[in-house]
C-alpha atoms as a PDB file:
ATOM      1  CA  UNK A   1      77.884 -12.314 -34.526  1.00  0.00           C
ATOM      2  CA  UNK A   2      81.217 -10.615 -33.962  1.00  0.00           C
ATOM      3  CA  UNK A   3      81.842 -10.145 -37.703  1.00  0.00           C
ATOM      4  CA  UNK A   4      80.673 -11.421 -41.069  1.00  0.00           C
ATOM      5  CA  UNK A   5      81.279 -15.096 -40.297  1.00  0.00           C
ATOM      6  CA  UNK A   6      80.154 -16.331 -43.705  1.00  0.00           C
ATOM      7  CA  UNK A   7      82.577 -14.018 -45.524  1.00  0.00           C
ATOM      8  CA  UNK A   8      85.398 -15.019 -43.172  1.00  0.00           C
ATOM      9  CA  UNK A   9      84.730 -18.738 -43.646  1.00  0.00           C
ATOM     10  CA  UNK A  10      84.619 -18.371 -47.436  1.00  0.00           C
ATOM     11  CA  UNK A  11      87.892 -16.429 -47.598  1.00  0.00           C
ATOM     12  CA  UNK A  12      89.773 -18.277 -44.846  1.00  0.00           C
ATOM     13  CA  UNK A  13      88.410 -21.683 -45.830  1.00  0.00           C
ATOM     14  CA  UNK A  14      89.159 -21.001 -49.488  1.00  0.00           C
ATOM     15  CA  UNK A  15      92.722 -20.019 -48.597  1.00  0.00           C
ATOM     16  CA  UNK A  16      93.153 -23.229 -46.614  1.00  0.00           C
ATOM     17  CA  UNK A  17      91.755 -25.325 -49.493  1.00  0.00           C
ATOM     18  CA  UNK A  18      94.186 -23.665 -51.916  1.00  0.00           C
ATOM     19  CA  UNK A  19      96.987 -24.144 -49.359  1.00  0.00           C
ATOM     20  CA  UNK A  20      96.253 -27.869 -49.185  1.00  0.00           C
ATOM     21  CA  UNK A  21      96.367 -28.267 -52.963  1.00  0.00           C
ATOM     22  CA  UNK A  22      99.509 -26.141 -53.339  1.00  0.00           C
ATOM     23  CA  UNK A  23     101.226 -28.011 -50.491  1.00  0.00           C
ATOM     24  CA  UNK A  24     100.504 -31.402 -52.048  1.00  0.00           C
ATOM     25  CA  UNK A  25     101.648 -30.229 -55.479  1.00  0.00           C
ATOM     26  CA  UNK A  26     104.822 -28.682 -54.082  1.00  0.00           C
ATOM     27  CA  UNK A  27     105.743 -31.841 -52.168  1.00  0.00           C
ATOM     28  CA  UNK A  28     105.163 -33.910 -55.312  1.00  0.00           C
ATOM     29  CA  UNK A  29     107.214 -31.489 -57.440  1.00  0.00           C
ATOM     30  CA  UNK A  30     110.097 -31.425 -54.954  1.00  0.00           C
ATOM     31  CA  UNK A  31     110.062 -35.221 -54.759  1.00  0.00           C
ATOM     32  CA  UNK A  32     109.754 -36.022 -58.465  1.00  0.00           C
ATOM     33  CA  UNK A  33     111.719 -33.308 -60.253  1.00  0.00           C
ATOM     34  CA  UNK A  34     115.366 -32.331 -60.108  1.00  0.00           C
ATOM     35  CA  UNK A  35     114.856 -28.601 -59.632  1.00  0.00           C
ATOM     36  CA  UNK A  36     117.523 -25.934 -59.483  1.00  0.00           C
ATOM     37  CA  UNK A  37     118.050 -24.332 -56.086  1.00  0.00           C
ATOM     38  CA  UNK A  38     116.046 -21.174 -56.955  1.00  0.00           C
ATOM     39  CA  UNK A  39     113.224 -23.249 -58.482  1.00  0.00           C
ATOM     40  CA  UNK A  40     113.157 -25.618 -55.478  1.00  0.00           C
ATOM     41  CA  UNK A  41     113.043 -22.621 -53.121  1.00  0.00           C
ATOM     42  CA  UNK A  42     110.145 -21.086 -55.067  1.00  0.00           C
ATOM     43  CA  UNK A  43     108.237 -24.382 -55.080  1.00  0.00           C
ATOM     44  CA  UNK A  44     108.929 -24.934 -51.364  1.00  0.00           C
ATOM     45  CA  UNK A  45     107.659 -21.425 -50.519  1.00  0.00           C
ATOM     46  CA  UNK A  46     104.571 -21.593 -52.756  1.00  0.00           C
ATOM     47  CA  UNK A  47     102.275 -22.826 -49.910  1.00  0.00           C
ATOM     48  CA  UNK A  48     103.065 -19.657 -47.959  1.00  0.00           C
ATOM     49  CA  UNK A  49     101.091 -17.508 -50.424  1.00  0.00           C
ATOM     50  CA  UNK A  50      97.615 -18.878 -49.587  1.00  0.00           C
ATOM     51  CA  UNK A  51      98.516 -18.775 -45.884  1.00  0.00           C
ATOM     52  CA  UNK A  52      99.263 -15.062 -46.257  1.00  0.00           C
ATOM     53  CA  UNK A  53      95.796 -14.633 -47.759  1.00  0.00           C
ATOM     54  CA  UNK A  54      94.333 -16.548 -44.791  1.00  0.00           C
ATOM     55  CA  UNK A  55      96.125 -14.086 -42.498  1.00  0.00           C
ATOM     56  CA  UNK A  56      94.581 -11.233 -44.472  1.00  0.00           C
ATOM     57  CA  UNK A  57      91.106 -12.792 -44.024  1.00  0.00           C
ATOM     58  CA  UNK A  58      91.739 -13.058 -40.284  1.00  0.00           C
ATOM     59  CA  UNK A  59      92.822  -9.409 -40.051  1.00  0.00           C
ATOM     60  CA  UNK A  60      89.735  -8.256 -41.987  1.00  0.00           C
ATOM     61  CA  UNK A  61      87.501 -10.277 -39.631  1.00  0.00           C
ATOM     62  CA  UNK A  62      89.323  -8.861 -36.587  1.00  0.00           C
ATOM     63  CA  UNK A  63      88.752  -5.306 -37.808  1.00  0.00           C
ATOM     64  CA  UNK A  64      85.037  -6.023 -38.181  1.00  0.00           C
ATOM     65  CA  UNK A  65      84.703  -7.522 -34.694  1.00  0.00           C
ATOM     66  CA  UNK A  66      83.094  -5.606 -31.859  1.00  0.00           C
ATOM     67  CA  UNK A  67      85.047  -4.471 -28.805  1.00  0.00           C
ATOM     68  CA  UNK A  68      84.374  -7.597 -26.723  1.00  0.00           C
ATOM     69  CA  UNK A  69      85.415  -9.998 -29.474  1.00  0.00           C
ATOM     70  CA  UNK A  70      88.513  -7.937 -30.262  1.00  0.00           C
ATOM     71  CA  UNK A  71      89.464  -8.151 -26.598  1.00  0.00           C
ATOM     72  CA  UNK A  72      89.086 -11.931 -26.568  1.00  0.00           C
ATOM     73  CA  UNK A  73      90.935 -12.356 -29.865  1.00  0.00           C
ATOM     74  CA  UNK A  74      93.762 -10.054 -28.744  1.00  0.00           C
ATOM     75  CA  UNK A  75      94.183 -11.746 -25.380  1.00  0.00           C
ATOM     76  CA  UNK A  76      94.109 -15.195 -27.007  1.00  0.00           C
ATOM     77  CA  UNK A  77      96.839 -14.105 -29.427  1.00  0.00           C
ATOM     78  CA  UNK A  78      98.955 -12.746 -26.554  1.00  0.00           C
ATOM     79  CA  UNK A  79      98.562 -15.997 -24.616  1.00  0.00           C
ATOM     80  CA  UNK A  80      99.363 -18.098 -27.688  1.00  0.00           C
ATOM     81  CA  UNK A  81     102.463 -16.084 -28.580  1.00  0.00           C
ATOM     82  CA  UNK A  82     103.647 -16.138 -24.979  1.00  0.00           C
ATOM     83  CA  UNK A  83     103.075 -19.841 -24.434  1.00  0.00           C
ATOM     84  CA  UNK A  84     104.539 -20.978 -27.756  1.00  0.00           C
ATOM     85  CA  UNK A  85     107.405 -18.519 -27.375  1.00  0.00           C
ATOM     86  CA  UNK A  86     108.307 -19.672 -23.883  1.00  0.00           C
ATOM     87  CA  UNK A  87     107.954 -23.374 -24.725  1.00  0.00           C
ATOM     88  CA  UNK A  88     110.232 -22.951 -27.759  1.00  0.00           C
ATOM     89  CA  UNK A  89     112.647 -20.889 -25.626  1.00  0.00           C
ATOM     90  CA  UNK A  90     112.785 -23.629 -22.989  1.00  0.00           C
ATOM     91  CA  UNK A  91     113.088 -26.327 -25.661  1.00  0.00           C
ATOM     92  CA  UNK A  92     116.081 -24.443 -27.110  1.00  0.00           C
ATOM     93  CA  UNK A  93     117.808 -24.644 -23.722  1.00  0.00           C
ATOM     94  CA  UNK A  94     117.086 -28.366 -23.612  1.00  0.00           C
ATOM     95  CA  UNK A  95     118.568 -28.831 -27.100  1.00  0.00           C
ATOM     96  CA  UNK A  96     121.796 -27.228 -25.894  1.00  0.00           C
ATOM     97  CA  UNK A  97     121.961 -29.199 -22.633  1.00  0.00           C
ATOM     98  CA  UNK A  98     120.670 -32.680 -23.486  1.00  0.00           C
ATOM     99  CA  UNK A  99     119.781 -34.745 -26.500  1.00  0.00           C
ATOM    100  CA  UNK A 100     116.167 -34.033 -27.414  1.00  0.00           C
ATOM    101  CA  UNK A 101     114.548 -34.159 -30.848  1.00  0.00           C
ATOM    102  CA  UNK A 102     114.880 -30.963 -32.866  1.00  0.00           C
ATOM    103  CA  UNK A 103     111.533 -29.396 -33.678  1.00  0.00           C
ATOM    104  CA  UNK A 104     111.425 -27.875 -37.181  1.00  0.00           C
ATOM    105  CA  UNK A 105     110.419 -24.213 -37.501  1.00  0.00           C
ATOM    106  CA  UNK A 106     107.636 -25.423 -39.773  1.00  0.00           C
ATOM    107  CA  UNK A 107     105.622 -26.283 -36.634  1.00  0.00           C
ATOM    108  CA  UNK A 108     105.748 -22.817 -35.031  1.00  0.00           C
ATOM    109  CA  UNK A 109     102.799 -21.325 -36.941  1.00  0.00           C
ATOM    110  CA  UNK A 110     100.524 -24.378 -36.471  1.00  0.00           C
ATOM    111  CA  UNK A 111     101.434 -24.357 -32.757  1.00  0.00           C
ATOM    112  CA  UNK A 112     100.525 -20.659 -32.538  1.00  0.00           C
ATOM    113  CA  UNK A 113      97.239 -21.173 -34.366  1.00  0.00           C
ATOM    114  CA  UNK A 114      96.293 -24.217 -32.299  1.00  0.00           C
ATOM    115  CA  UNK A 115      97.199 -22.541 -29.017  1.00  0.00           C
ATOM    116  CA  UNK A 116      95.283 -19.436 -30.100  1.00  0.00           C
ATOM    117  CA  UNK A 117      92.175 -21.556 -30.749  1.00  0.00           C
ATOM    118  CA  UNK A 118      92.423 -23.232 -27.353  1.00  0.00           C
ATOM    119  CA  UNK A 119      92.984 -19.935 -25.548  1.00  0.00           C
ATOM    120  CA  UNK A 120      90.136 -18.241 -27.406  1.00  0.00           C
ATOM    121  CA  UNK A 121      87.759 -21.025 -26.331  1.00  0.00           C
ATOM    122  CA  UNK A 122      88.916 -20.745 -22.709  1.00  0.00           C
ATOM    123  CA  UNK A 123      88.593 -16.952 -22.719  1.00  0.00           C
ATOM    124  CA  UNK A 124      85.104 -16.945 -24.260  1.00  0.00           C
ATOM    125  CA  UNK A 125      83.918 -19.357 -21.573  1.00  0.00           C
ATOM    126  CA  UNK A 126      85.576 -17.361 -18.812  1.00  0.00           C
ATOM    127  CA  UNK A 127      84.516 -13.886 -19.925  1.00  0.00           C
ATOM    128  CA  UNK A 128      80.889 -14.502 -20.983  1.00  0.00           C
END
């Protein structure tokens, strides 16, 4: 195993479970209560906290990985950042030139994570 998978799954999975609960509660709170601007901002940003912990779990797992797995993870991250970056760059040009739907920034991180997962799978198959 490239790192302590069980520990990673507990910490990352726990962070995602907390994220889900906090997200649902924040959406409900924003919908049902008339919050002041600072309170609404705090409630809207609350789901970011467990995601930051998930990032921490990922970094800890990366540091524990062997050289081969670090190489795959690093290259997958580079591909994901490049692909998502260039697609969003191109989409921005389209938004200026023609009428296309605006894509909220909220989707950038999930796009990066999803693209990273796809690229990591491709790279593991190609490099093994």
